[in-house]
Amino acid sequence: MAFSVGNLIHRTIVFGSLAFGIYGTVVIGQNVMVKRDQIKLAMAQQRAEAQAAAAAGGPPPEASPAPTASA
């Protein structure tokens, strides 16, 4: 295989783009999983607070809006 500057530049661009795309996909996937876990935790805490208030016979705690997956 012949070495040329154009070949080197082309390979750098192609493999760099692939690596950046894979890295970006992994990071986005991790962010989605973390956000989903945070939402599940917040909903479980709200459920626990509501059950504790119901068991105590008091009014339910102030309803705060559930976190959304956006942002």
PDB file of N, CA and C in Angstrom:
ATOM      1  N   MET A   1       0.848  -1.167   0.000  1.00  0.00           N
ATOM      2  CA  MET A   1       0.000   0.000   0.000  1.00  0.00           C
ATOM      3  C   MET A   1       0.899   1.237   0.000  1.00  0.00           C
ATOM      4  N   ALA A   2       0.571   2.143  -0.827  1.00  0.00           N
ATOM      5  CA  ALA A   2       1.373   3.352  -0.964  1.00  0.00           C
ATOM      6  C   ALA A   2       0.972   4.364   0.102  1.00  0.00           C
ATOM      7  N   PHE A   3       1.973   5.041   0.633  1.00  0.00           N
ATOM      8  CA  PHE A   3       1.735   6.075   1.634  1.00  0.00           C
ATOM      9  C   PHE A   3       1.582   7.408   0.930  1.00  0.00           C
ATOM     10  N   SER A   4       0.569   8.136   1.304  1.00  0.00           N
ATOM     11  CA  SER A   4       0.412   9.483   0.776  1.00  0.00           C
ATOM     12  C   SER A   4      -0.256  10.342   1.843  1.00  0.00           C
ATOM     13  N   VAL A   5      -0.027  11.611   1.736  1.00  0.00           N
ATOM     14  CA  VAL A   5      -0.607  12.544   2.699  1.00  0.00           C
ATOM     15  C   VAL A   5      -2.133  12.533   2.586  1.00  0.00           C
ATOM     16  N   GLY A   6      -2.636  12.458   1.370  1.00  0.00           N
ATOM     17  CA  GLY A   6      -4.082  12.417   1.168  1.00  0.00           C
ATOM     18  C   GLY A   6      -4.708  11.192   1.805  1.00  0.00           C
ATOM     19  N   ASN A   7      -4.019  10.049   1.673  1.00  0.00           N
ATOM     20  CA  ASN A   7      -4.502   8.810   2.276  1.00  0.00           C
ATOM     21  C   ASN A   7      -4.537   8.949   3.798  1.00  0.00           C
ATOM     22  N   LEU A   8      -3.496   9.524   4.365  1.00  0.00           N
ATOM     23  CA  LEU A   8      -3.428   9.722   5.814  1.00  0.00           C
ATOM     24  C   LEU A   8      -4.545  10.652   6.294  1.00  0.00           C
ATOM     25  N   ILE A   9      -4.750  11.732   5.586  1.00  0.00           N
ATOM     26  CA  ILE A   9      -5.803  12.682   5.966  1.00  0.00           C
ATOM     27  C   ILE A   9      -7.178  12.015   5.862  1.00  0.00           C
ATOM     28  N   HIS A  10      -7.395  11.278   4.783  1.00  0.00           N
ATOM     29  CA  HIS A  10      -8.679  10.598   4.599  1.00  0.00           C
ATOM     30  C   HIS A  10      -8.941   9.605   5.722  1.00  0.00           C
ATOM     31  N   ARG A  11      -7.961   8.786   6.050  1.00  0.00           N
ATOM     32  CA  ARG A  11      -8.133   7.801   7.120  1.00  0.00           C
ATOM     33  C   ARG A  11      -8.368   8.486   8.467  1.00  0.00           C
ATOM     34  N   THR A  12      -7.662   9.570   8.706  1.00  0.00           N
ATOM     35  CA  THR A  12      -7.841  10.307   9.961  1.00  0.00           C
ATOM     36  C   THR A  12      -9.273  10.824  10.080  1.00  0.00           C
ATOM     37  N   ILE A  13      -9.779  11.379   9.000  1.00  0.00           N
ATOM     38  CA  ILE A  13     -11.142  11.913   9.027  1.00  0.00           C
ATOM     39  C   ILE A  13     -12.166  10.792   9.201  1.00  0.00           C
ATOM     40  N   VAL A  14     -12.011   9.712   8.436  1.00  0.00           N
ATOM     41  CA  VAL A  14     -12.990   8.622   8.484  1.00  0.00           C
ATOM     42  C   VAL A  14     -13.001   7.962   9.854  1.00  0.00           C
ATOM     43  N   PHE A  15     -11.835   7.540  10.337  1.00  0.00           N
ATOM     44  CA  PHE A  15     -11.801   6.826  11.614  1.00  0.00           C
ATOM     45  C   PHE A  15     -12.072   7.760  12.793  1.00  0.00           C
ATOM     46  N   GLY A  16     -11.684   9.012  12.682  1.00  0.00           N
ATOM     47  CA  GLY A  16     -12.013   9.980  13.722  1.00  0.00           C
ATOM     48  C   GLY A  16     -13.510  10.210  13.820  1.00  0.00           C
ATOM     49  N   SER A  17     -14.159  10.297  12.670  1.00  0.00           N
ATOM     50  CA  SER A  17     -15.616  10.477  12.660  1.00  0.00           C
ATOM     51  C   SER A  17     -16.322   9.268  13.257  1.00  0.00           C
ATOM     52  N   LEU A  18     -15.856   8.070  12.896  1.00  0.00           N
ATOM     53  CA  LEU A  18     -16.448   6.854  13.461  1.00  0.00           C
ATOM     54  C   LEU A  18     -16.279   6.822  14.975  1.00  0.00           C
ATOM     55  N   ALA A  19     -15.073   7.111  15.435  1.00  0.00           N
ATOM     56  CA  ALA A  19     -14.808   7.072  16.877  1.00  0.00           C
ATOM     57  C   ALA A  19     -15.655   8.110  17.606  1.00  0.00           C
ATOM     58  N   PHE A  20     -15.758   9.311  17.050  1.00  0.00           N
ATOM     59  CA  PHE A  20     -16.553  10.355  17.689  1.00  0.00           C
ATOM     60  C   PHE A  20     -18.027   9.965  17.724  1.00  0.00           C
ATOM     61  N   GLY A  21     -18.518   9.346  16.655  1.00  0.00           N
ATOM     62  CA  GLY A  21     -19.912   8.911  16.620  1.00  0.00           C
ATOM     63  C   GLY A  21     -20.202   7.838  17.651  1.00  0.00           C
ATOM     64  N   ILE A  22     -19.290   6.879  17.783  1.00  0.00           N
ATOM     65  CA  ILE A  22     -19.468   5.819  18.777  1.00  0.00           C
ATOM     66  C   ILE A  22     -19.416   6.404  20.182  1.00  0.00           C
ATOM     67  N   TYR A  23     -18.444   7.277  20.432  1.00  0.00           N
ATOM     68  CA  TYR A  23     -18.318   7.916  21.747  1.00  0.00           C
ATOM     69  C   TYR A  23     -19.585   8.708  22.078  1.00  0.00           C
ATOM     70  N   GLY A  24     -20.083   9.478  21.123  1.00  0.00           N
ATOM     71  CA  GLY A  24     -21.287  10.268  21.352  1.00  0.00           C
ATOM     72  C   GLY A  24     -22.493   9.404  21.656  1.00  0.00           C
ATOM     73  N   THR A  25     -22.607   8.287  20.945  1.00  0.00           N
ATOM     74  CA  THR A  25     -23.721   7.369  21.188  1.00  0.00           C
ATOM     75  C   THR A  25     -23.659   6.795  22.593  1.00  0.00           C
ATOM     76  N   VAL A  26     -22.467   6.432  23.036  1.00  0.00           N
ATOM     77  CA  VAL A  26     -22.305   5.876  24.384  1.00  0.00           C
ATOM     78  C   VAL A  26     -22.660   6.919  25.440  1.00  0.00           C
ATOM     79  N   VAL A  27     -22.182   8.130  25.269  1.00  0.00           N
ATOM     80  CA  VAL A  27     -22.452   9.189  26.252  1.00  0.00           C
ATOM     81  C   VAL A  27     -23.946   9.505  26.312  1.00  0.00           C
ATOM     82  N   ILE A  28     -24.590   9.609  25.164  1.00  0.00           N
ATOM     83  CA  ILE A  28     -26.028   9.880  25.150  1.00  0.00           C
ATOM     84  C   ILE A  28     -26.789   8.741  25.810  1.00  0.00           C
ATOM     85  N   GLY A  29     -26.392   7.506  25.528  1.00  0.00           N
ATOM     86  CA  GLY A  29     -27.042   6.351  26.148  1.00  0.00           C
ATOM     87  C   GLY A  29     -26.903   6.354  27.653  1.00  0.00           C
ATOM     88  N   GLN A  30     -25.717   6.714  28.139  1.00  0.00           N
ATOM     89  CA  GLN A  30     -25.511   6.775  29.588  1.00  0.00           C
ATOM     90  C   GLN A  30     -26.371   7.868  30.208  1.00  0.00           C
ATOM     91  N   ASN A  31     -26.468   9.009  29.554  1.00  0.00           N
ATOM     92  CA  ASN A  31     -27.287  10.103  30.078  1.00  0.00           C
ATOM     93  C   ASN A  31     -28.756   9.706  30.149  1.00  0.00           C
ATOM     94  N   VAL A  32     -29.230   8.983  29.147  1.00  0.00           N
ATOM     95  CA  VAL A  32     -30.624   8.531  29.144  1.00  0.00           C
ATOM     96  C   VAL A  32     -30.866   7.579  30.305  1.00  0.00           C
ATOM     97  N   MET A  33     -29.930   6.655  30.534  1.00  0.00           N
ATOM     98  CA  MET A  33     -30.100   5.692  31.628  1.00  0.00           C
ATOM     99  C   MET A  33     -30.085   6.393  32.985  1.00  0.00           C
ATOM    100  N   VAL A  34     -29.196   7.359  33.167  1.00  0.00           N
ATOM    101  CA  VAL A  34     -29.119   8.084  34.438  1.00  0.00           C
ATOM    102  C   VAL A  34     -30.402   8.877  34.668  1.00  0.00           C
ATOM    103  N   LYS A  35     -30.888   9.553  33.640  1.00  0.00           N
ATOM    104  CA  LYS A  35     -32.116  10.349  33.774  1.00  0.00           C
ATOM    105  C   LYS A  35     -33.301   9.445  34.114  1.00  0.00           C
ATOM    106  N   ARG A  36     -33.384   8.274  33.472  1.00  0.00           N
ATOM    107  CA  ARG A  36     -34.473   7.330  33.747  1.00  0.00           C
ATOM    108  C   ARG A  36     -34.407   6.859  35.199  1.00  0.00           C
ATOM    109  N   ASP A  37     -33.196   6.581  35.696  1.00  0.00           N
ATOM    110  CA  ASP A  37     -33.050   6.153  37.088  1.00  0.00           C
ATOM    111  C   ASP A  37     -33.439   7.269  38.055  1.00  0.00           C
ATOM    112  N   GLN A  38     -33.090   8.517  37.719  1.00  0.00           N
ATOM    113  CA  GLN A  38     -33.452   9.644  38.576  1.00  0.00           C
ATOM    114  C   GLN A  38     -34.972   9.807  38.644  1.00  0.00           C
ATOM    115  N   ILE A  39     -35.636   9.630  37.521  1.00  0.00           N
ATOM    116  CA  ILE A  39     -37.096   9.750  37.491  1.00  0.00           C
ATOM    117  C   ILE A  39     -37.730   8.651  38.326  1.00  0.00           C
ATOM    118  N   LYS A  40     -37.228   7.416  38.190  1.00  0.00           N
ATOM    119  CA  LYS A  40     -37.765   6.303  38.983  1.00  0.00           C
ATOM    120  C   LYS A  40     -37.581   6.564  40.472  1.00  0.00           C
ATOM    121  N   LEU A  41     -36.415   7.082  40.857  1.00  0.00           N
ATOM    122  CA  LEU A  41     -36.143   7.369  42.263  1.00  0.00           C
ATOM    123  C   LEU A  41     -37.074   8.462  42.787  1.00  0.00           C
ATOM    124  N   ALA A  42     -37.268   9.518  42.007  1.00  0.00           N
ATOM    125  CA  ALA A  42     -38.149  10.609  42.434  1.00  0.00           C
ATOM    126  C   ALA A  42     -39.587  10.119  42.589  1.00  0.00           C
ATOM    127  N   MET A  43     -40.038   9.293  41.675  1.00  0.00           N
ATOM    128  CA  MET A  43     -41.407   8.773  41.772  1.00  0.00           C
ATOM    129  C   MET A  43     -41.552   7.848  42.977  1.00  0.00           C
ATOM    130  N   ALA A  44     -40.537   7.043  43.268  1.00  0.00           N
ATOM    131  CA  ALA A  44     -40.590   6.156  44.429  1.00  0.00           C
ATOM    132  C   ALA A  44     -40.617   6.971  45.723  1.00  0.00           C
ATOM    133  N   GLN A  45     -39.856   8.066  45.770  1.00  0.00           N
ATOM    134  CA  GLN A  45     -39.857   8.920  46.959  1.00  0.00           C
ATOM    135  C   GLN A  45     -41.226   9.571  47.152  1.00  0.00           C
ATOM    136  N   GLN A  46     -41.828  10.034  46.071  1.00  0.00           N
ATOM    137  CA  GLN A  46     -43.153  10.642  46.174  1.00  0.00           C
ATOM    138  C   GLN A  46     -44.180   9.624  46.655  1.00  0.00           C
ATOM    139  N   ARG A  47     -44.083   8.396  46.131  1.00  0.00           N
ATOM    140  CA  ARG A  47     -45.000   7.339  46.563  1.00  0.00           C
ATOM    141  C   ARG A  47     -44.817   7.045  48.045  1.00  0.00           C
ATOM    142  N   ALA A  48     -43.559   6.979  48.498  1.00  0.00           N
ATOM    143  CA  ALA A  48     -43.288   6.684  49.902  1.00  0.00           C
ATOM    144  C   ALA A  48     -43.815   7.802  50.802  1.00  0.00           C
ATOM    145  N   GLU A  49     -43.646   9.051  50.383  1.00  0.00           N
ATOM    146  CA  GLU A  49     -44.156  10.175  51.169  1.00  0.00           C
ATOM    147  C   GLU A  49     -45.682  10.136  51.248  1.00  0.00           C
ATOM    148  N   ALA A  50     -46.325   9.824  50.146  1.00  0.00           N
ATOM    149  CA  ALA A  50     -47.789   9.765  50.133  1.00  0.00           C
ATOM    150  C   ALA A  50     -48.291   8.623  51.014  1.00  0.00           C
ATOM    151  N   GLN A  51     -47.606   7.481  50.981  1.00  0.00           N
ATOM    152  CA  GLN A  51     -48.015   6.349  51.814  1.00  0.00           C
ATOM    153  C   GLN A  51     -47.796   6.659  53.292  1.00  0.00           C
ATOM    154  N   ALA A  52     -46.689   7.346  53.607  1.00  0.00           N
ATOM    155  CA  ALA A  52     -46.423   7.699  54.998  1.00  0.00           C
ATOM    156  C   ALA A  52     -47.474   8.678  55.507  1.00  0.00           C
ATOM    157  N   ALA A  53     -47.856   9.634  54.672  1.00  0.00           N
ATOM    158  CA  ALA A  53     -48.879  10.602  55.075  1.00  0.00           C
ATOM    159  C   ALA A  53     -50.230   9.914  55.243  1.00  0.00           C
ATOM    160  N   ALA A  54     -50.534   8.975  54.371  1.00  0.00           N
ATOM    161  CA  ALA A  54     -51.807   8.257  54.475  1.00  0.00           C
ATOM    162  C   ALA A  54     -51.827   7.388  55.727  1.00  0.00           C
ATOM    163  N   ALA A  55     -50.690   6.787  56.063  1.00  0.00           N
ATOM    164  CA  ALA A  55     -50.621   5.943  57.260  1.00  0.00           C
ATOM    165  C   ALA A  55     -50.749   6.788  58.523  1.00  0.00           C
ATOM    166  N   ALA A  56     -50.254   8.025  58.471  1.00  0.00           N
ATOM    167  CA  ALA A  56     -50.335   8.908  59.630  1.00  0.00           C
ATOM    168  C   ALA A  56     -51.715   9.558  59.743  1.00  0.00           C
ATOM    169  N   GLY A  57     -52.519   9.430  58.720  1.00  0.00           N
ATOM    170  CA  GLY A  57     -53.862   9.992  58.751  1.00  0.00           C
ATOM    171  C   GLY A  57     -53.912  11.455  58.385  1.00  0.00           C
ATOM    172  N   GLY A  58     -52.812  12.004  57.968  1.00  0.00           N
ATOM    173  CA  GLY A  58     -52.778  13.411  57.594  1.00  0.00           C
ATOM    174  C   GLY A  58     -53.059  13.588  56.114  1.00  0.00           C
ATOM    175  N   PRO A  59     -53.132  14.834  55.713  1.00  0.00           N
ATOM    176  CA  PRO A  59     -53.350  15.094  54.287  1.00  0.00           C
ATOM    177  C   PRO A  59     -52.101  14.701  53.492  1.00  0.00           C
ATOM    178  N   PRO A  60     -52.263  14.371  52.242  1.00  0.00           N
ATOM    179  CA  PRO A  60     -51.092  14.006  51.439  1.00  0.00           C
ATOM    180  C   PRO A  60     -50.168  15.204  51.274  1.00  0.00           C
ATOM    181  N   PRO A  61     -48.882  14.955  51.104  1.00  0.00           N
ATOM    182  CA  PRO A  61     -47.945  16.074  50.941  1.00  0.00           C
ATOM    183  C   PRO A  61     -48.240  16.838  49.658  1.00  0.00           C
ATOM    184  N   GLU A  62     -47.737  18.054  49.614  1.00  0.00           N
ATOM    185  CA  GLU A  62     -47.931  18.886  48.426  1.00  0.00           C
ATOM    186  C   GLU A  62     -47.477  18.114  47.202  1.00  0.00           C
ATOM    187  N   ALA A  63     -48.304  18.105  46.199  1.00  0.00           N
ATOM    188  CA  ALA A  63     -47.950  17.380  44.975  1.00  0.00           C
ATOM    189  C   ALA A  63     -46.993  18.234  44.160  1.00  0.00           C
ATOM    190  N   SER A  64     -45.810  17.720  43.975  1.00  0.00           N
ATOM    191  CA  SER A  64     -44.860  18.417  43.116  1.00  0.00           C
ATOM    192  C   SER A  64     -44.883  17.733  41.761  1.00  0.00           C
ATOM    193  N   PRO A  65     -44.637  18.483  40.705  1.00  0.00           N
ATOM    194  CA  PRO A  65     -44.697  17.866  39.377  1.00  0.00           C
ATOM    195  C   PRO A  65     -43.631  16.794  39.234  1.00  0.00           C
ATOM    196  N   ALA A  66     -43.988  15.714  38.596  1.00  0.00           N
ATOM    197  CA  ALA A  66     -43.044  14.619  38.380  1.00  0.00           C
ATOM    198  C   ALA A  66     -41.985  15.074  37.385  1.00  0.00           C
ATOM    199  N   PRO A  67     -40.746  14.687  37.610  1.00  0.00           N
ATOM    200  CA  PRO A  67     -39.701  15.071  36.656  1.00  0.00           C
ATOM    201  C   PRO A  67     -39.956  14.409  35.308  1.00  0.00           C
ATOM    202  N   THR A  68     -39.564  15.099  34.275  1.00  0.00           N
ATOM    203  CA  THR A  68     -39.763  14.559  32.934  1.00  0.00           C
ATOM    204  C   THR A  68     -38.432  14.125  32.355  1.00  0.00           C
ATOM    205  N   ALA A  69     -38.480  13.343  31.301  1.00  0.00           N
ATOM    206  CA  ALA A  69     -37.268  12.819  30.679  1.00  0.00           C
ATOM    207  C   ALA A  69     -36.603  13.853  29.783  1.00  0.00           C
ATOM    208  N   SER A  70     -37.261  14.971  29.502  1.00  0.00           N
ATOM    209  CA  SER A  70     -36.657  15.968  28.629  1.00  0.00           C
ATOM    210  C   SER A  70     -35.598  16.756  29.383  1.00  0.00           C
ATOM    211  N   ALA A  71     -34.724  17.372  28.616  1.00  0.00           N
ATOM    212  CA  ALA A  71     -33.620  18.186  29.134  1.00  0.00           C
ATOM    213  C   ALA A  71     -32.555  17.290  29.541  1.00  0.00           C
TER     214      ALA A  71
END
